Amino acid sequence: MSDKYNPAAIEAESFRIITDEIRGMHRELPELYAPVIKRVIHTTADFSYLDTLYFSEGCMEAGRSALRAGVSIVTDTNMARAGINKRALGKYGGTVLCHMADGDVAQEAKERQITRAVVSMEKSARAGEDFIYAVGNAPTALFAIVELAKAGALRPRLVIGAPVGFVNVEEAKACLIASGIPCIVPRGRKGGSNVAAAIVNALLYSLPQQTKGDGL
């Protein structure tokens, strides 16, 4: 069968093209961050992420050590949850949680007249676990994470702050970066659930002796 139908061959060729185009721009990626940057470009076909992805000091090891320890991931969308390779994550004992569609979250958000994203982050804090957070839609989720962390209600192992849009997006990302929480952030308006999931997967795939499993 032709390689045009082979998912591994398609991915390999995509990354070859990405690497060649980056080289053609006379750009050299930091080795530590290259897996994340290239996978985000692979997911979006957008080379602007070469300049906009922000990595806090120590964030890569913070994320990798958390994944190796079986830490679970909280997302703000079911789309991000669906995009994370749960087979790869499950090899270490981690799972992916999303409370956005929970009935109690919807009811509380309506009563308090706030976003479900805020209530979802509050619900995750009540679990008493230190999660990785992958935010791809709601800037209010980032504000809530920072506020909860400052109050000592949660201790994020890593926050992927990738909401997309126009209202409060850049402000929420700046708030996260300034908080000192380990984070990976595409600065500016761009991002999305696919970007958040791609960053998680890049971290998973870069772990020693880790295979990708299914799911291109």
N, C-alpha and C. Protein backbone atom coordinates (compact mmCIF):
# COMPACT_ATOMS: atom_id res chain seq x y z
N MET A 1 0.85 -1.20 0.00
CA MET A 1 0.00 0.00 0.00
C MET A 1 0.88 1.25 0.00
N SER A 2 0.44 2.26 -0.68
CA SER A 2 1.20 3.50 -0.78
C SER A 2 1.37 4.14 0.59
N ASP A 3 2.55 4.80 0.77
CA ASP A 3 2.80 5.50 2.03
C ASP A 3 1.83 6.65 2.26
N LYS A 4 1.12 7.07 1.22
CA LYS A 4 0.18 8.17 1.42
C LYS A 4 -0.99 7.78 2.31
N TYR A 5 -1.14 6.47 2.55
CA TYR A 5 -2.19 6.00 3.44
C TYR A 5 -1.64 5.53 4.79
N ASN A 6 -0.34 5.56 4.94
CA ASN A 6 0.30 5.04 6.15
C ASN A 6 0.49 6.16 7.16
N PRO A 7 -0.16 6.08 8.35
CA PRO A 7 -0.10 7.19 9.30
C PRO A 7 1.30 7.50 9.79
N ALA A 8 2.12 6.45 10.04
CA ALA A 8 3.49 6.70 10.50
C ALA A 8 4.31 7.39 9.43
N ALA A 9 4.12 6.98 8.18
CA ALA A 9 4.86 7.60 7.09
C ALA A 9 4.43 9.04 6.88
N ILE A 10 3.13 9.30 7.01
CA ILE A 10 2.62 10.66 6.85
C ILE A 10 3.22 11.57 7.92
N GLU A 11 3.23 11.08 9.17
CA GLU A 11 3.79 11.90 10.24
C GLU A 11 5.28 12.14 10.04
N ALA A 12 6.00 11.09 9.67
CA ALA A 12 7.45 11.24 9.46
C ALA A 12 7.74 12.25 8.36
N GLU A 13 6.97 12.19 7.29
CA GLU A 13 7.19 13.14 6.19
C GLU A 13 6.82 14.55 6.61
N SER A 14 5.77 14.69 7.40
CA SER A 14 5.38 16.01 7.89
C SER A 14 6.50 16.64 8.73
N PHE A 15 7.08 15.85 9.62
CA PHE A 15 8.15 16.38 10.46
C PHE A 15 9.42 16.65 9.65
N ARG A 16 9.65 15.86 8.61
CA ARG A 16 10.79 16.16 7.73
C ARG A 16 10.61 17.51 7.06
N ILE A 17 9.39 17.77 6.57
CA ILE A 17 9.12 19.05 5.92
C ILE A 17 9.27 20.20 6.90
N ILE A 18 8.73 20.02 8.11
CA ILE A 18 8.83 21.06 9.14
C ILE A 18 10.29 21.36 9.44
N THR A 19 11.09 20.31 9.62
CA THR A 19 12.51 20.50 9.92
C THR A 19 13.22 21.21 8.79
N ASP A 20 12.92 20.83 7.55
CA ASP A 20 13.55 21.47 6.39
C ASP A 20 13.16 22.93 6.28
N GLU A 21 11.89 23.24 6.54
CA GLU A 21 11.46 24.63 6.42
C GLU A 21 12.07 25.50 7.51
N ILE A 22 12.19 24.95 8.71
CA ILE A 22 12.83 25.70 9.79
C ILE A 22 14.30 25.95 9.44
N ARG A 23 14.95 24.93 8.90
CA ARG A 23 16.34 25.09 8.48
C ARG A 23 16.44 26.15 7.38
N GLY A 24 15.46 26.15 6.47
CA GLY A 24 15.46 27.13 5.39
C GLY A 24 15.27 28.55 5.88
N MET A 25 14.69 28.71 7.06
CA MET A 25 14.55 30.02 7.68
C MET A 25 15.81 30.43 8.46
N HIS A 26 16.80 29.53 8.44
CA HIS A 26 18.04 29.75 9.20
C HIS A 26 17.75 29.90 10.69
N ARG A 27 16.83 29.05 11.14
CA ARG A 27 16.48 29.03 12.56
C ARG A 27 17.02 27.76 13.19
N GLU A 28 17.48 27.87 14.41
CA GLU A 28 17.93 26.72 15.16
C GLU A 28 17.14 26.66 16.46
N LEU A 29 16.42 25.56 16.65
CA LEU A 29 15.57 25.43 17.83
C LEU A 29 16.38 24.92 19.02
N PRO A 30 16.09 25.43 20.21
CA PRO A 30 16.70 24.84 21.40
C PRO A 30 16.32 23.37 21.49
N GLU A 31 17.30 22.51 21.68
CA GLU A 31 17.04 21.07 21.68
C GLU A 31 15.98 20.68 22.69
N LEU A 32 15.97 21.34 23.85
CA LEU A 32 15.03 20.99 24.91
C LEU A 32 13.59 21.23 24.48
N TYR A 33 13.36 22.31 23.74
CA TYR A 33 12.00 22.71 23.40
C TYR A 33 11.56 22.26 22.01
N ALA A 34 12.48 21.78 21.21
CA ALA A 34 12.17 21.44 19.82
C ALA A 34 11.02 20.45 19.67
N PRO A 35 10.91 19.40 20.51
CA PRO A 35 9.79 18.47 20.32
C PRO A 35 8.42 19.13 20.46
N VAL A 36 8.31 20.07 21.40
CA VAL A 36 7.04 20.77 21.59
C VAL A 36 6.77 21.72 20.43
N ILE A 37 7.76 22.51 20.08
CA ILE A 37 7.58 23.50 19.01
C ILE A 37 7.20 22.82 17.70
N LYS A 38 7.90 21.77 17.36
CA LYS A 38 7.63 21.08 16.09
C LYS A 38 6.26 20.42 16.09
N ARG A 39 5.85 19.84 17.23
CA ARG A 39 4.54 19.19 17.25
C ARG A 39 3.41 20.20 17.18
N VAL A 40 3.58 21.37 17.78
CA VAL A 40 2.56 22.40 17.66
C VAL A 40 2.46 22.87 16.21
N ILE A 41 3.60 23.05 15.56
CA ILE A 41 3.58 23.42 14.13
C ILE A 41 2.94 22.32 13.31
N HIS A 42 3.25 21.08 13.62
CA HIS A 42 2.65 19.95 12.91
C HIS A 42 1.13 19.96 13.05
N THR A 43 0.65 20.31 14.23
CA THR A 43 -0.79 20.32 14.50
C THR A 43 -1.50 21.47 13.82
N THR A 44 -0.82 22.61 13.70
CA THR A 44 -1.46 23.84 13.22
C THR A 44 -1.04 24.29 11.83
N ALA A 45 0.08 23.76 11.33
CA ALA A 45 0.70 24.25 10.08
C ALA A 45 1.00 25.74 10.16
N ASP A 46 1.34 26.20 11.35
CA ASP A 46 1.55 27.63 11.61
C ASP A 46 2.95 27.83 12.20
N PHE A 47 3.84 28.38 11.39
CA PHE A 47 5.22 28.57 11.83
C PHE A 47 5.40 29.78 12.74
N SER A 48 4.35 30.55 12.96
CA SER A 48 4.47 31.67 13.90
C SER A 48 4.75 31.19 15.32
N TYR A 49 4.43 29.91 15.59
CA TYR A 49 4.71 29.37 16.92
C TYR A 49 6.21 29.28 17.20
N LEU A 50 7.03 29.40 16.19
CA LEU A 50 8.48 29.48 16.41
C LEU A 50 8.83 30.64 17.34
N ASP A 51 8.05 31.70 17.26
CA ASP A 51 8.36 32.92 18.00
C ASP A 51 7.46 33.17 19.20
N THR A 52 6.34 32.48 19.27
CA THR A 52 5.38 32.84 20.31
C THR A 52 5.32 31.86 21.48
N LEU A 53 5.87 30.67 21.33
CA LEU A 53 5.79 29.71 22.43
C LEU A 53 6.75 30.11 23.55
N TYR A 54 6.18 30.25 24.74
CA TYR A 54 6.95 30.63 25.93
C TYR A 54 7.10 29.40 26.83
N PHE A 55 8.31 29.19 27.33
CA PHE A 55 8.60 28.09 28.24
C PHE A 55 9.20 28.67 29.52
N SER A 56 8.54 28.46 30.64
CA SER A 56 9.10 28.92 31.90
C SER A 56 10.30 28.04 32.26
N GLU A 57 11.18 28.57 33.07
CA GLU A 57 12.37 27.84 33.46
C GLU A 57 11.97 26.55 34.19
N GLY A 58 12.51 25.44 33.71
CA GLY A 58 12.24 24.15 34.34
C GLY A 58 10.93 23.51 33.98
N CYS A 59 10.18 24.10 33.06
CA CYS A 59 8.84 23.58 32.77
C CYS A 59 8.87 22.21 32.11
N MET A 60 9.86 21.97 31.26
CA MET A 60 9.89 20.69 30.57
C MET A 60 10.11 19.54 31.55
N GLU A 61 11.07 19.70 32.43
CA GLU A 61 11.32 18.64 33.41
C GLU A 61 10.17 18.54 34.40
N ALA A 62 9.56 19.66 34.74
CA ALA A 62 8.40 19.62 35.63
C ALA A 62 7.28 18.79 35.00
N GLY A 63 7.02 19.02 33.72
CA GLY A 63 5.97 18.28 33.04
C GLY A 63 6.32 16.81 32.86
N ARG A 64 7.55 16.55 32.45
CA ARG A 64 7.95 15.17 32.23
C ARG A 64 7.97 14.37 33.53
N SER A 65 8.48 14.97 34.59
CA SER A 65 8.54 14.24 35.87
C SER A 65 7.13 13.97 36.38
N ALA A 66 6.21 14.91 36.18
CA ALA A 66 4.83 14.69 36.59
C ALA A 66 4.19 13.56 35.80
N LEU A 67 4.42 13.54 34.50
CA LEU A 67 3.86 12.48 33.67
C LEU A 67 4.43 11.12 34.06
N ARG A 68 5.74 11.07 34.29
CA ARG A 68 6.37 9.81 34.70
C ARG A 68 5.81 9.32 36.03
N ALA A 69 5.40 10.26 36.88
CA ALA A 69 4.87 9.90 38.20
C ALA A 69 3.39 9.53 38.15
N GLY A 70 2.78 9.57 36.97
CA GLY A 70 1.38 9.19 36.83
C GLY A 70 0.40 10.29 37.19
N VAL A 71 0.87 11.54 37.17
CA VAL A 71 -0.02 12.67 37.48
C VAL A 71 -1.08 12.79 36.38
N SER A 72 -2.30 13.04 36.76
CA SER A 72 -3.39 13.18 35.79
C SER A 72 -3.48 14.60 35.26
N ILE A 73 -4.23 14.76 34.18
CA ILE A 73 -4.34 16.02 33.47
C ILE A 73 -5.78 16.51 33.53
N VAL A 74 -5.94 17.79 33.82
CA VAL A 74 -7.25 18.42 33.80
C VAL A 74 -7.31 19.36 32.60
N THR A 75 -8.34 19.22 31.78
CA THR A 75 -8.52 20.10 30.63
C THR A 75 -9.77 20.96 30.80
N ASP A 76 -9.85 22.00 29.99
CA ASP A 76 -11.04 22.85 30.03
C ASP A 76 -11.98 22.58 28.87
N THR A 77 -11.66 21.59 28.05
CA THR A 77 -12.57 21.20 26.96
C THR A 77 -12.49 19.70 26.75
N ASN A 78 -13.58 19.12 26.32
CA ASN A 78 -13.55 17.71 25.96
C ASN A 78 -12.78 17.49 24.67
N MET A 79 -12.65 18.52 23.85
CA MET A 79 -11.85 18.40 22.63
C MET A 79 -10.38 18.19 22.98
N ALA A 80 -9.87 18.96 23.95
CA ALA A 80 -8.49 18.76 24.38
C ALA A 80 -8.34 17.38 25.00
N ARG A 81 -9.32 16.99 25.79
CA ARG A 81 -9.28 15.66 26.40
C ARG A 81 -9.19 14.59 25.33
N ALA A 82 -9.99 14.73 24.28
CA ALA A 82 -10.00 13.73 23.20
C ALA A 82 -8.68 13.69 22.46
N GLY A 83 -8.00 14.83 22.36
CA GLY A 83 -6.76 14.90 21.58
C GLY A 83 -5.53 14.37 22.29
N ILE A 84 -5.60 14.21 23.59
CA ILE A 84 -4.45 13.71 24.35
C ILE A 84 -4.38 12.19 24.20
N ASN A 85 -3.18 11.69 23.96
CA ASN A 85 -3.00 10.25 23.77
C ASN A 85 -3.11 9.54 25.11
N LYS A 86 -4.30 9.04 25.38
CA LYS A 86 -4.56 8.45 26.69
C LYS A 86 -3.89 7.09 26.87
N ARG A 87 -3.60 6.42 25.77
CA ARG A 87 -2.87 5.16 25.88
C ARG A 87 -1.45 5.43 26.36
N ALA A 88 -0.80 6.42 25.77
CA ALA A 88 0.56 6.77 26.20
C ALA A 88 0.56 7.26 27.64
N LEU A 89 -0.41 8.08 27.98
CA LEU A 89 -0.51 8.60 29.34
C LEU A 89 -0.78 7.49 30.34
N GLY A 90 -1.64 6.56 29.95
CA GLY A 90 -2.02 5.49 30.84
C GLY A 90 -0.89 4.54 31.18
N LYS A 91 0.13 4.48 30.36
CA LYS A 91 1.28 3.63 30.66
C LYS A 91 1.98 4.05 31.94
N TYR A 92 1.80 5.32 32.30
CA TYR A 92 2.40 5.83 33.53
C TYR A 92 1.38 5.92 34.67
N GLY A 93 0.12 5.62 34.38
CA GLY A 93 -0.90 5.64 35.40
C GLY A 93 -1.77 6.89 35.41
N GLY A 94 -1.52 7.82 34.48
CA GLY A 94 -2.29 9.06 34.44
C GLY A 94 -3.59 8.92 33.66
N THR A 95 -4.52 9.81 33.95
CA THR A 95 -5.78 9.89 33.22
C THR A 95 -6.02 11.35 32.84
N VAL A 96 -7.07 11.57 32.04
CA VAL A 96 -7.44 12.93 31.64
C VAL A 96 -8.84 13.21 32.15
N LEU A 97 -8.99 14.34 32.84
CA LEU A 97 -10.27 14.73 33.43
C LEU A 97 -10.76 16.04 32.80
N CYS A 98 -12.05 16.11 32.56
CA CYS A 98 -12.67 17.36 32.12
C CYS A 98 -14.03 17.45 32.79
N HIS A 99 -14.23 18.51 33.57
CA HIS A 99 -15.47 18.66 34.34
C HIS A 99 -16.47 19.61 33.68
N MET A 100 -16.15 20.08 32.48
CA MET A 100 -16.97 21.12 31.87
C MET A 100 -18.42 20.69 31.63
N ALA A 101 -18.64 19.41 31.37
CA ALA A 101 -20.00 18.94 31.10
C ALA A 101 -20.67 18.34 32.34
N ASP A 102 -20.01 18.42 33.49
CA ASP A 102 -20.60 17.86 34.72
C ASP A 102 -21.84 18.67 35.12
N GLY A 103 -22.87 17.98 35.52
CA GLY A 103 -24.12 18.66 35.87
C GLY A 103 -23.96 19.63 37.04
N ASP A 104 -23.18 19.24 38.05
CA ASP A 104 -23.00 20.13 39.19
C ASP A 104 -22.23 21.38 38.82
N VAL A 105 -21.31 21.25 37.87
CA VAL A 105 -20.55 22.41 37.41
C VAL A 105 -21.47 23.38 36.67
N ALA A 106 -22.29 22.84 35.79
CA ALA A 106 -23.22 23.69 35.03
C ALA A 106 -24.17 24.43 35.96
N GLN A 107 -24.70 23.72 36.96
CA GLN A 107 -25.65 24.32 37.88
C GLN A 107 -24.99 25.43 38.70
N GLU A 108 -23.81 25.15 39.23
CA GLU A 108 -23.14 26.15 40.06
C GLU A 108 -22.74 27.38 39.24
N ALA A 109 -22.27 27.14 38.02
CA ALA A 109 -21.89 28.27 37.16
C ALA A 109 -23.09 29.16 36.88
N LYS A 110 -24.25 28.54 36.65
CA LYS A 110 -25.47 29.31 36.39
C LYS A 110 -25.87 30.11 37.62
N GLU A 111 -25.82 29.49 38.77
CA GLU A 111 -26.23 30.16 40.01
C GLU A 111 -25.31 31.33 40.34
N ARG A 112 -24.02 31.15 40.12
CA ARG A 112 -23.05 32.19 40.46
C ARG A 112 -22.82 33.17 39.31
N GLN A 113 -23.37 32.85 38.13
CA GLN A 113 -23.22 33.67 36.93
C GLN A 113 -21.74 33.87 36.59
N ILE A 114 -21.02 32.75 36.59
CA ILE A 114 -19.62 32.75 36.17
C ILE A 114 -19.44 31.62 35.16
N THR A 115 -18.27 31.54 34.57
CA THR A 115 -18.06 30.53 33.53
C THR A 115 -17.91 29.14 34.14
N ARG A 116 -18.28 28.15 33.34
CA ARG A 116 -18.08 26.77 33.76
C ARG A 116 -16.59 26.48 33.97
N ALA A 117 -15.76 27.16 33.20
CA ALA A 117 -14.32 26.92 33.31
C ALA A 117 -13.83 27.22 34.72
N VAL A 118 -14.30 28.32 35.30
CA VAL A 118 -13.89 28.67 36.66
C VAL A 118 -14.34 27.60 37.64
N VAL A 119 -15.59 27.21 37.55
CA VAL A 119 -16.13 26.20 38.47
C VAL A 119 -15.41 24.86 38.26
N SER A 120 -15.06 24.55 37.03
CA SER A 120 -14.34 23.31 36.75
C SER A 120 -12.98 23.30 37.43
N MET A 121 -12.27 24.43 37.38
CA MET A 121 -10.97 24.49 38.03
C MET A 121 -11.12 24.40 39.55
N GLU A 122 -12.17 25.03 40.08
CA GLU A 122 -12.43 24.93 41.51
C GLU A 122 -12.73 23.48 41.91
N LYS A 123 -13.49 22.79 41.08
CA LYS A 123 -13.80 21.39 41.36
C LYS A 123 -12.54 20.55 41.36
N SER A 124 -11.63 20.81 40.43
CA SER A 124 -10.38 20.05 40.39
C SER A 124 -9.56 20.30 41.66
N ALA A 125 -9.61 21.53 42.18
CA ALA A 125 -8.87 21.85 43.40
C ALA A 125 -9.38 21.04 44.59
N ARG A 126 -10.69 20.80 44.63
CA ARG A 126 -11.27 20.06 45.74
C ARG A 126 -10.88 18.58 45.74
N ALA A 127 -10.33 18.10 44.62
CA ALA A 127 -9.90 16.70 44.56
C ALA A 127 -8.68 16.44 45.42
N GLY A 128 -7.95 17.50 45.75
CA GLY A 128 -6.80 17.36 46.62
C GLY A 128 -5.59 16.74 45.95
N GLU A 129 -5.53 16.80 44.61
CA GLU A 129 -4.40 16.25 43.87
C GLU A 129 -3.65 17.38 43.17
N ASP A 130 -2.39 17.12 42.86
CA ASP A 130 -1.59 18.07 42.10
C ASP A 130 -1.62 17.66 40.63
N PHE A 131 -2.37 18.39 39.82
CA PHE A 131 -2.59 18.02 38.42
C PHE A 131 -1.67 18.79 37.48
N ILE A 132 -1.61 18.29 36.25
CA ILE A 132 -1.19 19.06 35.10
C ILE A 132 -2.47 19.67 34.51
N TYR A 133 -2.44 20.94 34.14
CA TYR A 133 -3.60 21.59 33.54
C TYR A 133 -3.30 21.92 32.07
N ALA A 134 -4.21 21.53 31.19
CA ALA A 134 -4.09 21.82 29.77
C ALA A 134 -5.31 22.63 29.33
N VAL A 135 -5.10 23.94 29.20
CA VAL A 135 -6.20 24.87 28.91
C VAL A 135 -6.09 25.31 27.45
N GLY A 136 -7.15 25.04 26.68
CA GLY A 136 -7.11 25.36 25.26
C GLY A 136 -8.23 26.26 24.79
N ASN A 137 -9.08 26.72 25.72
CA ASN A 137 -10.21 27.53 25.28
C ASN A 137 -10.51 28.73 26.17
N ALA A 138 -10.56 28.51 27.48
CA ALA A 138 -11.12 29.52 28.38
C ALA A 138 -10.05 30.28 29.15
N PRO A 139 -9.88 31.57 28.86
CA PRO A 139 -8.93 32.35 29.65
C PRO A 139 -9.33 32.43 31.12
N THR A 140 -10.64 32.35 31.40
CA THR A 140 -11.06 32.39 32.81
C THR A 140 -10.52 31.19 33.59
N ALA A 141 -10.26 30.09 32.90
CA ALA A 141 -9.65 28.94 33.57
C ALA A 141 -8.26 29.28 34.06
N LEU A 142 -7.50 30.02 33.26
CA LEU A 142 -6.16 30.42 33.69
C LEU A 142 -6.21 31.37 34.87
N PHE A 143 -7.09 32.35 34.81
CA PHE A 143 -7.24 33.26 35.96
C PHE A 143 -7.57 32.47 37.22
N ALA A 144 -8.47 31.50 37.10
CA ALA A 144 -8.89 30.71 38.26
C ALA A 144 -7.73 29.88 38.80
N ILE A 145 -6.97 29.26 37.92
CA ILE A 145 -5.83 28.45 38.34
C ILE A 145 -4.83 29.29 39.13
N VAL A 146 -4.52 30.48 38.60
CA VAL A 146 -3.56 31.35 39.29
C VAL A 146 -4.10 31.78 40.65
N GLU A 147 -5.36 32.17 40.70
CA GLU A 147 -5.95 32.59 41.97
C GLU A 147 -5.99 31.46 42.99
N LEU A 148 -6.37 30.27 42.54
CA LEU A 148 -6.43 29.11 43.43
C LEU A 148 -5.04 28.73 43.93
N ALA A 149 -4.06 28.83 43.05
CA ALA A 149 -2.69 28.52 43.44
C ALA A 149 -2.17 29.52 44.48
N LYS A 150 -2.47 30.80 44.26
CA LYS A 150 -2.05 31.81 45.23
C LYS A 150 -2.69 31.59 46.59
N ALA A 151 -3.91 31.09 46.59
CA ALA A 151 -4.62 30.84 47.83
C ALA A 151 -4.20 29.52 48.49
N GLY A 152 -3.35 28.76 47.81
CA GLY A 152 -2.91 27.48 48.34
C GLY A 152 -3.90 26.35 48.15
N ALA A 153 -4.91 26.58 47.30
CA ALA A 153 -5.94 25.57 47.09
C ALA A 153 -5.51 24.50 46.10
N LEU A 154 -4.53 24.80 45.26
CA LEU A 154 -3.99 23.80 44.36
C LEU A 154 -2.53 24.11 44.06
N ARG A 155 -1.82 23.07 43.63
CA ARG A 155 -0.41 23.21 43.28
C ARG A 155 -0.18 22.56 41.92
N PRO A 156 -0.37 23.30 40.86
CA PRO A 156 -0.23 22.71 39.53
C PRO A 156 1.20 22.25 39.28
N ARG A 157 1.34 21.05 38.75
CA ARG A 157 2.67 20.58 38.39
C ARG A 157 3.15 21.27 37.12
N LEU A 158 2.21 21.57 36.22
CA LEU A 158 2.49 22.30 34.98
C LEU A 158 1.17 22.82 34.46
N VAL A 159 1.19 24.03 33.92
CA VAL A 159 0.00 24.57 33.26
C VAL A 159 0.34 24.87 31.81
N ILE A 160 -0.41 24.27 30.91
CA ILE A 160 -0.32 24.60 29.49
C ILE A 160 -1.42 25.61 29.23
N GLY A 161 -1.02 26.85 29.03
CA GLY A 161 -1.98 27.95 28.91
C GLY A 161 -2.16 28.37 27.47
N ALA A 162 -3.09 27.71 26.78
CA ALA A 162 -3.24 27.94 25.34
C ALA A 162 -4.65 28.34 24.93
N PRO A 163 -5.35 29.18 25.72
CA PRO A 163 -6.67 29.61 25.24
C PRO A 163 -6.53 30.43 23.97
N VAL A 164 -7.56 30.39 23.16
CA VAL A 164 -7.57 31.10 21.88
C VAL A 164 -8.71 32.11 21.89
N GLY A 165 -8.51 33.27 21.27
CA GLY A 165 -9.61 34.22 21.18
C GLY A 165 -9.18 35.65 21.33
N PHE A 166 -10.14 36.50 21.71
CA PHE A 166 -9.92 37.94 21.70
C PHE A 166 -10.12 38.62 23.05
N VAL A 167 -11.00 38.07 23.89
CA VAL A 167 -11.33 38.72 25.16
C VAL A 167 -10.58 38.05 26.31
N ASN A 168 -9.74 38.80 26.97
CA ASN A 168 -8.99 38.35 28.15
C ASN A 168 -7.94 37.29 27.87
N VAL A 169 -7.75 36.92 26.62
CA VAL A 169 -6.82 35.83 26.30
C VAL A 169 -5.38 36.23 26.61
N GLU A 170 -4.94 37.34 26.05
CA GLU A 170 -3.56 37.77 26.26
C GLU A 170 -3.31 38.14 27.72
N GLU A 171 -4.32 38.73 28.35
CA GLU A 171 -4.19 39.10 29.76
C GLU A 171 -4.05 37.86 30.65
N ALA A 172 -4.84 36.82 30.35
CA ALA A 172 -4.79 35.59 31.15
C ALA A 172 -3.44 34.90 30.98
N LYS A 173 -2.94 34.89 29.77
CA LYS A 173 -1.63 34.28 29.53
C LYS A 173 -0.53 35.05 30.27
N ALA A 174 -0.60 36.37 30.22
CA ALA A 174 0.39 37.18 30.93
C ALA A 174 0.31 36.95 32.44
N CYS A 175 -0.90 36.79 32.95
CA CYS A 175 -1.11 36.52 34.37
C CYS A 175 -0.47 35.20 34.76
N LEU A 176 -0.64 34.18 33.93
CA LEU A 176 -0.04 32.87 34.21
C LEU A 176 1.48 32.96 34.19
N ILE A 177 2.03 33.62 33.17
CA ILE A 177 3.49 33.73 33.06
C ILE A 177 4.06 34.44 34.28
N ALA A 178 3.38 35.49 34.74
CA ALA A 178 3.87 36.27 35.88
C ALA A 178 3.73 35.54 37.20
N SER A 179 2.91 34.48 37.23
CA SER A 179 2.61 33.81 38.49
C SER A 179 3.76 32.97 39.03
N GLY A 180 4.67 32.59 38.17
CA GLY A 180 5.75 31.71 38.59
C GLY A 180 5.40 30.24 38.54
N ILE A 181 4.17 29.90 38.17
CA ILE A 181 3.77 28.50 38.01
C ILE A 181 4.49 27.94 36.77
N PRO A 182 5.04 26.73 36.83
CA PRO A 182 5.63 26.15 35.63
C PRO A 182 4.62 26.13 34.50
N CYS A 183 4.99 26.67 33.35
CA CYS A 183 4.00 26.78 32.28
C CYS A 183 4.63 26.79 30.90
N ILE A 184 3.81 26.39 29.94
CA ILE A 184 4.11 26.53 28.51
C ILE A 184 2.95 27.30 27.91
N VAL A 185 3.26 28.40 27.23
CA VAL A 185 2.21 29.33 26.80
C VAL A 185 2.49 29.82 25.38
N PRO A 186 1.52 29.68 24.46
CA PRO A 186 1.63 30.37 23.18
C PRO A 186 1.13 31.82 23.35
N ARG A 187 2.06 32.74 23.42
CA ARG A 187 1.68 34.13 23.66
C ARG A 187 0.87 34.68 22.50
N GLY A 188 0.02 35.67 22.80
CA GLY A 188 -0.84 36.25 21.79
C GLY A 188 -2.21 35.61 21.78
N ARG A 189 -2.94 35.82 20.70
CA ARG A 189 -4.33 35.35 20.60
C ARG A 189 -4.46 33.90 20.21
N LYS A 190 -3.42 33.33 19.63
CA LYS A 190 -3.53 31.99 19.08
C LYS A 190 -3.38 30.93 20.16
N GLY A 191 -3.92 29.76 19.85
CA GLY A 191 -3.89 28.61 20.74
C GLY A 191 -4.99 27.66 20.34
N GLY A 192 -5.65 27.08 21.32
CA GLY A 192 -6.76 26.18 21.04
C GLY A 192 -6.57 24.83 21.69
N SER A 193 -7.66 24.07 21.73
CA SER A 193 -7.63 22.75 22.35
C SER A 193 -6.64 21.82 21.65
N ASN A 194 -6.54 21.96 20.32
CA ASN A 194 -5.60 21.12 19.58
C ASN A 194 -4.16 21.44 19.97
N VAL A 195 -3.87 22.71 20.22
CA VAL A 195 -2.53 23.11 20.62
C VAL A 195 -2.23 22.59 22.03
N ALA A 196 -3.18 22.73 22.94
CA ALA A 196 -2.98 22.22 24.30
C ALA A 196 -2.71 20.73 24.29
N ALA A 197 -3.49 19.99 23.52
CA ALA A 197 -3.29 18.54 23.44
C ALA A 197 -1.95 18.21 22.79
N ALA A 198 -1.57 18.96 21.77
CA ALA A 198 -0.30 18.70 21.08
C ALA A 198 0.87 18.88 22.03
N ILE A 199 0.81 19.87 22.90
CA ILE A 199 1.90 20.10 23.85
C ILE A 199 1.99 18.94 24.84
N VAL A 200 0.84 18.48 25.34
CA VAL A 200 0.85 17.32 26.23
C VAL A 200 1.46 16.12 25.53
N ASN A 201 1.02 15.86 24.30
CA ASN A 201 1.52 14.70 23.57
C ASN A 201 3.01 14.81 23.29
N ALA A 202 3.48 16.01 22.99
CA ALA A 202 4.92 16.19 22.76
C ALA A 202 5.72 15.84 24.00
N LEU A 203 5.22 16.22 25.15
CA LEU A 203 5.89 15.86 26.40
C LEU A 203 5.87 14.35 26.59
N LEU A 204 4.74 13.73 26.35
CA LEU A 204 4.64 12.28 26.48
C LEU A 204 5.59 11.56 25.54
N TYR A 205 5.60 11.98 24.28
CA TYR A 205 6.40 11.28 23.29
C TYR A 205 7.90 11.48 23.49
N SER A 206 8.27 12.53 24.22
CA SER A 206 9.70 12.80 24.45
C SER A 206 10.24 12.10 25.69
N LEU A 207 9.36 11.39 26.41
CA LEU A 207 9.83 10.65 27.56
C LEU A 207 10.69 9.47 27.13
N PRO A 208 11.72 9.13 27.87
CA PRO A 208 12.58 8.00 27.50
C PRO A 208 11.79 6.70 27.37
N GLN A 209 12.09 5.95 26.30
CA GLN A 209 11.49 4.65 26.06
C GLN A 209 9.98 4.72 25.93
N GLN A 210 9.49 5.90 25.50
CA GLN A 210 8.04 6.04 25.32
C GLN A 210 7.68 5.90 23.85
N THR A 211 6.65 5.12 23.55
CA THR A 211 6.16 5.00 22.20
C THR A 211 4.82 5.71 22.10
N LYS A 212 4.46 6.11 20.90
CA LYS A 212 3.28 6.94 20.71
C LYS A 212 1.98 6.17 20.72
N GLY A 213 2.03 4.91 20.43
CA GLY A 213 0.75 4.19 20.38
C GLY A 213 -0.06 4.62 19.18
N ASP A 214 -1.35 4.55 19.32
CA ASP A 214 -2.25 4.84 18.19
C ASP A 214 -2.62 6.29 18.15
N GLY A 215 -3.27 6.67 17.06
CA GLY A 215 -4.04 7.89 17.06
C GLY A 215 -3.46 9.08 16.39
N LEU A 216 -3.09 8.97 15.09
CA LEU A 216 -2.78 10.18 14.34
C LEU A 216 -4.07 10.90 14.01
